[in-house]
Amino acid sequence: MYWAQALAAQTKDADMAAEFKSIAEALNDHESTINEELISVQGQSVDIEGYYSTDTDKTYAAMRPSATLNGIIDGM
């Protein structure tokens, strides 16, 4: 959230500031939901089927546990 706010507030690149304004607002509006989603998976073991060569889909899901945050990021 903080990087998005900083990019939205900077004045050197107006196009970038405009693009990140909506992202910063979305992150701010959904901060508590994102935090809850991230905290809810802490401390749980995850089977990603390997150590060096893991299952790609399982690893991807484990590394991106917040559907709300993923939606905001994917919408960029």
C-alpha atoms as a PDB file:
ATOM      1  CA  MET A   1       0.000   0.000   0.000  1.00  0.00           C
ATOM      2  CA  TYR A   2       2.756   2.413   0.886  1.00  0.00           C
ATOM      3  CA  TRP A   3       4.533   2.090  -2.451  1.00  0.00           C
ATOM      4  CA  ALA A   4       1.259   2.764  -4.278  1.00  0.00           C
ATOM      5  CA  GLN A   5       0.596   5.823  -2.123  1.00  0.00           C
ATOM      6  CA  ALA A   6       4.115   7.116  -2.769  1.00  0.00           C
ATOM      7  CA  LEU A   7       3.782   6.633  -6.519  1.00  0.00           C
ATOM      8  CA  ALA A   8       0.380   8.345  -6.506  1.00  0.00           C
ATOM      9  CA  ALA A   9       1.772  11.287  -4.526  1.00  0.00           C
ATOM     10  CA  GLN A  10       4.924  11.852  -6.572  1.00  0.00           C
ATOM     11  CA  THR A  11       4.924  14.782  -9.012  1.00  0.00           C
ATOM     12  CA  LYS A  12       7.649  13.863 -11.528  1.00  0.00           C
ATOM     13  CA  ASP A  13       5.389  11.629 -13.645  1.00  0.00           C
ATOM     14  CA  ALA A  14       1.743  12.708 -13.816  1.00  0.00           C
ATOM     15  CA  ASP A  15       0.641   9.635 -15.796  1.00  0.00           C
ATOM     16  CA  MET A  16       2.123   7.299 -13.200  1.00  0.00           C
ATOM     17  CA  ALA A  17       0.555   9.286 -10.375  1.00  0.00           C
ATOM     18  CA  ALA A  18      -2.851   9.067 -12.033  1.00  0.00           C
ATOM     19  CA  GLU A  19      -2.527   5.323 -12.612  1.00  0.00           C
ATOM     20  CA  PHE A  20      -1.466   4.569  -9.042  1.00  0.00           C
ATOM     21  CA  LYS A  21      -4.054   6.842  -7.431  1.00  0.00           C
ATOM     22  CA  SER A  22      -6.835   4.293  -7.955  1.00  0.00           C
ATOM     23  CA  ILE A  23      -4.577   1.421  -6.877  1.00  0.00           C
ATOM     24  CA  ALA A  24      -3.595   3.243  -3.679  1.00  0.00           C
ATOM     25  CA  GLU A  25      -7.260   3.989  -2.955  1.00  0.00           C
ATOM     26  CA  ALA A  26      -8.278   0.362  -3.526  1.00  0.00           C
ATOM     27  CA  LEU A  27      -5.497  -0.901  -1.254  1.00  0.00           C
ATOM     28  CA  ASN A  28      -6.459   1.608   1.420  1.00  0.00           C
ATOM     29  CA  ASP A  29     -10.173   0.779   1.159  1.00  0.00           C
ATOM     30  CA  HIS A  30      -9.519  -2.972   1.495  1.00  0.00           C
ATOM     31  CA  GLU A  31      -6.599  -2.875   3.950  1.00  0.00           C
ATOM     32  CA  SER A  32      -8.391  -4.685   6.783  1.00  0.00           C
ATOM     33  CA  THR A  33      -9.685  -7.445   4.494  1.00  0.00           C
ATOM     34  CA  ILE A  34      -6.238  -7.965   2.963  1.00  0.00           C
ATOM     35  CA  ASN A  35      -4.654  -8.100   6.420  1.00  0.00           C
ATOM     36  CA  GLU A  36      -7.231 -10.643   7.610  1.00  0.00           C
ATOM     37  CA  GLU A  37      -6.639 -12.838   4.554  1.00  0.00           C
ATOM     38  CA  LEU A  38      -2.852 -12.739   5.014  1.00  0.00           C
ATOM     39  CA  ILE A  39      -2.961 -13.294   8.785  1.00  0.00           C
ATOM     40  CA  SER A  40      -5.391 -16.210   8.468  1.00  0.00           C
ATOM     41  CA  VAL A  41      -2.803 -18.352   6.641  1.00  0.00           C
ATOM     42  CA  GLN A  42       0.147 -17.610   8.924  1.00  0.00           C
ATOM     43  CA  GLY A  43       1.644 -20.591  10.711  1.00  0.00           C
ATOM     44  CA  GLN A  44      -0.039 -23.204   8.532  1.00  0.00           C
ATOM     45  CA  SER A  45       2.101 -25.720   6.695  1.00  0.00           C
ATOM     46  CA  VAL A  46       1.614 -25.945   2.943  1.00  0.00           C
ATOM     47  CA  ASP A  47       2.333 -28.951   0.743  1.00  0.00           C
ATOM     48  CA  ILE A  48       3.878 -27.630  -2.479  1.00  0.00           C
ATOM     49  CA  GLU A  49       5.101 -31.106  -3.476  1.00  0.00           C
ATOM     50  CA  GLY A  50       8.808 -30.582  -3.342  1.00  0.00           C
ATOM     51  CA  TYR A  51      11.697 -28.424  -2.237  1.00  0.00           C
ATOM     52  CA  TYR A  52      13.602 -27.365  -5.338  1.00  0.00           C
ATOM     53  CA  SER A  53      11.140 -28.502  -7.971  1.00  0.00           C
ATOM     54  CA  THR A  54       7.695 -27.701  -6.617  1.00  0.00           C
ATOM     55  CA  ASP A  55       4.224 -27.907  -8.094  1.00  0.00           C
ATOM     56  CA  THR A  56       3.805 -24.551  -9.821  1.00  0.00           C
ATOM     57  CA  ASP A  57       0.078 -24.151  -9.146  1.00  0.00           C
ATOM     58  CA  LYS A  58       0.361 -25.063  -5.461  1.00  0.00           C
ATOM     59  CA  THR A  59       3.362 -22.767  -4.991  1.00  0.00           C
ATOM     60  CA  TYR A  60       1.565 -19.903  -6.743  1.00  0.00           C
ATOM     61  CA  ALA A  61      -1.511 -20.354  -4.547  1.00  0.00           C
ATOM     62  CA  ALA A  62       0.577 -20.505  -1.362  1.00  0.00           C
ATOM     63  CA  MET A  63       2.499 -17.351  -2.257  1.00  0.00           C
ATOM     64  CA  ARG A  64      -0.650 -15.350  -3.085  1.00  0.00           C
ATOM     65  CA  PRO A  65      -3.147 -16.135  -0.290  1.00  0.00           C
ATOM     66  CA  SER A  66      -5.147 -12.875  -0.457  1.00  0.00           C
ATOM     67  CA  ALA A  67      -7.827 -12.914  -3.157  1.00  0.00           C
ATOM     68  CA  THR A  68      -8.534  -9.243  -2.505  1.00  0.00           C
ATOM     69  CA  LEU A  69      -4.906  -8.175  -2.943  1.00  0.00           C
ATOM     70  CA  ASN A  70      -4.527 -10.441  -5.973  1.00  0.00           C
ATOM     71  CA  GLY A  71      -7.531  -8.809  -7.618  1.00  0.00           C
ATOM     72  CA  ILE A  72      -6.090  -5.337  -7.132  1.00  0.00           C
ATOM     73  CA  ILE A  73      -2.630  -6.352  -8.381  1.00  0.00           C
ATOM     74  CA  ASP A  74      -3.992  -8.303 -11.346  1.00  0.00           C
ATOM     75  CA  GLY A  75      -6.084  -5.296 -12.339  1.00  0.00           C
ATOM     76  CA  MET A  76      -3.027  -3.108 -12.776  1.00  0.00           C
END
